[in-house]
Amino acid sequence: MSQQPPPVGATPPVPDPHSGWVTGGVVFAGVLMLVNGVLAGFQGIAGIVEDDWYARVGDYVYRISLTGWGWIHLVLGLLVAATGAGVLKGASWARIVGILLASLSLVTQFLFLPYSPVWSVILIALDVFVIWALAAHEPAEPVL
């Protein structure tokens, strides 16, 4: 059983950007953004209210007080959660804003590595997935 070559001038099939894999990834990215935003808010509250919750780091290049980190995580978390809700509703603005906020969250978690290394690495990996899912999806209609 030999396979016939494609006809002359035929173009290879183009993957459908609305395939189940990518669309499912966008829904999952929206849920991740919603949950990660809430968890970042809690992470921020822990830093604001009780800054001995995190490990003390001696000399660090990016010196910000833990209360400052708490406010950064709280504000960013609220923005990420709201954008995640927008992604789930299929809002046209949410895809680009989601990519920008996930990128900002990734950088923030990288800078926060000395204080909470395991959690920061987990969130960095999730942010990379969110960026991929939102960048790969070309919405034609709302995802939910």
C-alpha atoms as a PDB file:
ATOM      1  CA  MET A   1       0.000   0.000   0.000  1.00  0.00           C
ATOM      2  CA  SER A   2       1.835   3.020  -1.214  1.00  0.00           C
ATOM      3  CA  GLN A   3       0.604   6.476  -0.475  1.00  0.00           C
ATOM      4  CA  GLN A   4      -0.125   8.709  -3.467  1.00  0.00           C
ATOM      5  CA  PRO A   5       1.804  11.988  -3.613  1.00  0.00           C
ATOM      6  CA  PRO A   6      -0.345  15.111  -3.428  1.00  0.00           C
ATOM      7  CA  PRO A   7      -1.403  16.606  -6.757  1.00  0.00           C
ATOM      8  CA  VAL A   8       0.899  19.185  -8.298  1.00  0.00           C
ATOM      9  CA  GLY A   9       0.154  22.649  -6.931  1.00  0.00           C
ATOM     10  CA  ALA A  10      -1.744  21.316  -3.892  1.00  0.00           C
ATOM     11  CA  THR A  11      -1.066  23.070  -0.617  1.00  0.00           C
ATOM     12  CA  PRO A  12      -0.678  21.128   2.612  1.00  0.00           C
ATOM     13  CA  PRO A  13      -3.598  21.328   5.016  1.00  0.00           C
ATOM     14  CA  VAL A  14      -3.421  24.241   7.432  1.00  0.00           C
ATOM     15  CA  PRO A  15      -4.239  23.427  11.063  1.00  0.00           C
ATOM     16  CA  ASP A  16      -7.568  24.872  12.140  1.00  0.00           C
ATOM     17  CA  PRO A  17      -6.945  27.629  14.726  1.00  0.00           C
ATOM     18  CA  HIS A  18     -10.364  26.818  16.189  1.00  0.00           C
ATOM     19  CA  SER A  19      -9.552  23.181  16.827  1.00  0.00           C
ATOM     20  CA  GLY A  20     -10.607  21.637  20.110  1.00  0.00           C
ATOM     21  CA  TRP A  21      -7.041  21.588  21.430  1.00  0.00           C
ATOM     22  CA  VAL A  22      -6.484  25.337  21.109  1.00  0.00           C
ATOM     23  CA  THR A  23     -10.017  26.319  22.140  1.00  0.00           C
ATOM     24  CA  GLY A  24      -9.825  24.018  25.152  1.00  0.00           C
ATOM     25  CA  GLY A  25      -6.462  25.562  25.995  1.00  0.00           C
ATOM     26  CA  VAL A  26      -8.005  29.041  25.971  1.00  0.00           C
ATOM     27  CA  VAL A  27     -10.798  27.960  28.305  1.00  0.00           C
ATOM     28  CA  PHE A  28      -8.217  26.366  30.589  1.00  0.00           C
ATOM     29  CA  ALA A  29      -6.064  29.522  30.375  1.00  0.00           C
ATOM     30  CA  GLY A  30      -9.065  31.645  31.385  1.00  0.00           C
ATOM     31  CA  VAL A  31      -9.757  29.401  34.369  1.00  0.00           C
ATOM     32  CA  LEU A  32      -6.056  29.432  35.322  1.00  0.00           C
ATOM     33  CA  MET A  33      -5.995  33.224  35.128  1.00  0.00           C
ATOM     34  CA  LEU A  34      -9.082  33.478  37.305  1.00  0.00           C
ATOM     35  CA  VAL A  35      -7.714  31.080  39.937  1.00  0.00           C
ATOM     36  CA  ASN A  36      -4.135  32.411  39.787  1.00  0.00           C
ATOM     37  CA  GLY A  37      -5.430  35.957  40.181  1.00  0.00           C
ATOM     38  CA  VAL A  38      -7.314  35.026  43.331  1.00  0.00           C
ATOM     39  CA  LEU A  39      -4.305  33.118  44.701  1.00  0.00           C
ATOM     40  CA  ALA A  40      -1.977  36.035  43.892  1.00  0.00           C
ATOM     41  CA  GLY A  41      -4.399  38.256  45.782  1.00  0.00           C
ATOM     42  CA  PHE A  42      -4.081  35.982  48.813  1.00  0.00           C
ATOM     43  CA  GLN A  43      -0.302  35.949  48.329  1.00  0.00           C
ATOM     44  CA  GLY A  44      -0.394  39.741  48.365  1.00  0.00           C
ATOM     45  CA  ILE A  45      -2.579  39.907  51.455  1.00  0.00           C
ATOM     46  CA  ALA A  46      -0.159  37.569  53.253  1.00  0.00           C
ATOM     47  CA  GLY A  47       2.713  39.898  52.372  1.00  0.00           C
ATOM     48  CA  ILE A  48       0.810  43.024  53.446  1.00  0.00           C
ATOM     49  CA  VAL A  49      -0.670  41.782  56.710  1.00  0.00           C
ATOM     50  CA  GLU A  50       2.039  39.467  57.948  1.00  0.00           C
ATOM     51  CA  ASP A  51       5.327  40.010  56.180  1.00  0.00           C
ATOM     52  CA  ASP A  52       7.136  37.381  58.256  1.00  0.00           C
ATOM     53  CA  TRP A  53       5.164  34.768  56.275  1.00  0.00           C
ATOM     54  CA  TYR A  54       7.869  34.678  53.590  1.00  0.00           C
ATOM     55  CA  ALA A  55      11.538  33.802  53.963  1.00  0.00           C
ATOM     56  CA  ARG A  56      13.870  36.653  54.790  1.00  0.00           C
ATOM     57  CA  VAL A  57      16.368  37.282  52.064  1.00  0.00           C
ATOM     58  CA  GLY A  58      19.633  39.068  52.804  1.00  0.00           C
ATOM     59  CA  ASP A  59      21.118  41.191  50.063  1.00  0.00           C
ATOM     60  CA  TYR A  60      19.078  40.911  46.908  1.00  0.00           C
ATOM     61  CA  VAL A  61      19.446  42.941  43.738  1.00  0.00           C
ATOM     62  CA  TYR A  62      15.730  43.776  43.519  1.00  0.00           C
ATOM     63  CA  ARG A  63      15.181  45.102  46.999  1.00  0.00           C
ATOM     64  CA  ILE A  64      11.493  45.718  47.665  1.00  0.00           C
ATOM     65  CA  SER A  65       9.943  45.318  51.101  1.00  0.00           C
ATOM     66  CA  LEU A  66       7.635  42.356  51.573  1.00  0.00           C
ATOM     67  CA  THR A  67       4.771  44.781  52.083  1.00  0.00           C
ATOM     68  CA  GLY A  68       5.619  46.294  48.691  1.00  0.00           C
ATOM     69  CA  TRP A  69       5.656  42.821  47.128  1.00  0.00           C
ATOM     70  CA  GLY A  70       2.313  42.184  48.802  1.00  0.00           C
ATOM     71  CA  TRP A  71       0.749  45.217  47.132  1.00  0.00           C
ATOM     72  CA  ILE A  72       2.256  44.262  43.767  1.00  0.00           C
ATOM     73  CA  HIS A  73       0.822  40.727  44.016  1.00  0.00           C
ATOM     74  CA  LEU A  74      -2.557  41.971  45.232  1.00  0.00           C
ATOM     75  CA  VAL A  75      -3.060  44.519  42.434  1.00  0.00           C
ATOM     76  CA  LEU A  76      -1.686  42.230  39.728  1.00  0.00           C
ATOM     77  CA  GLY A  77      -3.790  39.349  41.036  1.00  0.00           C
ATOM     78  CA  LEU A  78      -6.993  41.368  40.838  1.00  0.00           C
ATOM     79  CA  LEU A  79      -6.174  42.476  37.291  1.00  0.00           C
ATOM     80  CA  VAL A  80      -5.333  38.897  36.217  1.00  0.00           C
ATOM     81  CA  ALA A  81      -8.556  37.521  37.750  1.00  0.00           C
ATOM     82  CA  ALA A  82     -10.685  40.162  36.008  1.00  0.00           C
ATOM     83  CA  THR A  83      -8.943  39.487  32.700  1.00  0.00           C
ATOM     84  CA  GLY A  84      -9.412  35.732  33.161  1.00  0.00           C
ATOM     85  CA  ALA A  85     -13.137  36.337  33.531  1.00  0.00           C
ATOM     86  CA  GLY A  86     -12.991  38.403  30.347  1.00  0.00           C
ATOM     87  CA  VAL A  87     -11.209  35.569  28.523  1.00  0.00           C
ATOM     88  CA  LEU A  88     -13.929  33.150  29.593  1.00  0.00           C
ATOM     89  CA  LYS A  89     -16.628  35.538  28.362  1.00  0.00           C
ATOM     90  CA  GLY A  90     -14.832  35.900  25.031  1.00  0.00           C
ATOM     91  CA  ALA A  91     -14.156  39.630  25.390  1.00  0.00           C
ATOM     92  CA  SER A  92     -12.072  40.892  22.476  1.00  0.00           C
ATOM     93  CA  TRP A  93      -9.776  42.971  24.720  1.00  0.00           C
ATOM     94  CA  ALA A  94      -9.057  40.101  27.118  1.00  0.00           C
ATOM     95  CA  ARG A  95      -6.747  38.112  24.835  1.00  0.00           C
ATOM     96  CA  ILE A  96      -4.143  40.862  24.382  1.00  0.00           C
ATOM     97  CA  VAL A  97      -4.476  42.134  27.961  1.00  0.00           C
ATOM     98  CA  GLY A  98      -4.192  38.523  29.177  1.00  0.00           C
ATOM     99  CA  ILE A  99      -0.930  38.032  27.290  1.00  0.00           C
ATOM    100  CA  LEU A 100       0.456  41.276  28.712  1.00  0.00           C
ATOM    101  CA  LEU A 101      -0.616  40.507  32.290  1.00  0.00           C
ATOM    102  CA  ALA A 102       0.635  36.905  32.124  1.00  0.00           C
ATOM    103  CA  SER A 103       3.992  38.245  30.893  1.00  0.00           C
ATOM    104  CA  LEU A 104       4.078  40.779  33.732  1.00  0.00           C
ATOM    105  CA  SER A 105       3.123  38.059  36.213  1.00  0.00           C
ATOM    106  CA  LEU A 106       5.934  35.854  34.876  1.00  0.00           C
ATOM    107  CA  VAL A 107       8.508  38.612  35.402  1.00  0.00           C
ATOM    108  CA  THR A 108       7.103  39.409  38.850  1.00  0.00           C
ATOM    109  CA  GLN A 109       7.301  35.772  39.922  1.00  0.00           C
ATOM    110  CA  PHE A 110      10.862  35.561  38.608  1.00  0.00           C
ATOM    111  CA  LEU A 111      11.837  38.545  40.748  1.00  0.00           C
ATOM    112  CA  PHE A 112      10.003  36.999  43.733  1.00  0.00           C
ATOM    113  CA  LEU A 113      11.889  33.660  43.422  1.00  0.00           C
ATOM    114  CA  PRO A 114      14.112  34.104  46.516  1.00  0.00           C
ATOM    115  CA  TYR A 115      11.096  34.611  48.770  1.00  0.00           C
ATOM    116  CA  SER A 116       8.965  31.695  47.579  1.00  0.00           C
ATOM    117  CA  PRO A 117      10.940  29.567  45.095  1.00  0.00           C
ATOM    118  CA  VAL A 118       8.689  26.541  44.558  1.00  0.00           C
ATOM    119  CA  TRP A 119       5.457  28.516  44.198  1.00  0.00           C
ATOM    120  CA  SER A 120       7.121  31.057  41.912  1.00  0.00           C
ATOM    121  CA  VAL A 121       8.425  28.334  39.569  1.00  0.00           C
ATOM    122  CA  ILE A 122       4.947  26.760  39.404  1.00  0.00           C
ATOM    123  CA  LEU A 123       3.358  30.109  38.550  1.00  0.00           C
ATOM    124  CA  ILE A 124       6.027  30.848  35.942  1.00  0.00           C
ATOM    125  CA  ALA A 125       5.187  27.556  34.192  1.00  0.00           C
ATOM    126  CA  LEU A 126       1.462  28.328  34.314  1.00  0.00           C
ATOM    127  CA  ASP A 127       2.070  31.834  32.964  1.00  0.00           C
ATOM    128  CA  VAL A 128       3.998  30.366  30.007  1.00  0.00           C
ATOM    129  CA  PHE A 129       1.028  28.091  29.239  1.00  0.00           C
ATOM    130  CA  VAL A 130      -1.430  30.996  29.484  1.00  0.00           C
ATOM    131  CA  ILE A 131       0.693  33.092  27.106  1.00  0.00           C
ATOM    132  CA  TRP A 132       0.872  30.218  24.599  1.00  0.00           C
ATOM    133  CA  ALA A 133      -2.854  29.451  24.766  1.00  0.00           C
ATOM    134  CA  LEU A 134      -3.904  33.069  24.321  1.00  0.00           C
ATOM    135  CA  ALA A 135      -1.364  33.709  21.554  1.00  0.00           C
ATOM    136  CA  ALA A 136      -2.294  30.564  19.585  1.00  0.00           C
ATOM    137  CA  HIS A 137      -6.033  31.237  19.609  1.00  0.00           C
ATOM    138  CA  GLU A 138      -7.692  33.385  16.946  1.00  0.00           C
ATOM    139  CA  PRO A 139     -11.202  33.991  18.270  1.00  0.00           C
ATOM    140  CA  ALA A 140     -14.086  33.841  15.848  1.00  0.00           C
ATOM    141  CA  GLU A 141     -16.696  33.594  18.564  1.00  0.00           C
ATOM    142  CA  PRO A 142     -16.771  33.497  22.389  1.00  0.00           C
ATOM    143  CA  VAL A 143     -15.056  30.435  23.859  1.00  0.00           C
ATOM    144  CA  LEU A 144     -17.921  29.691  26.260  1.00  0.00           C
END
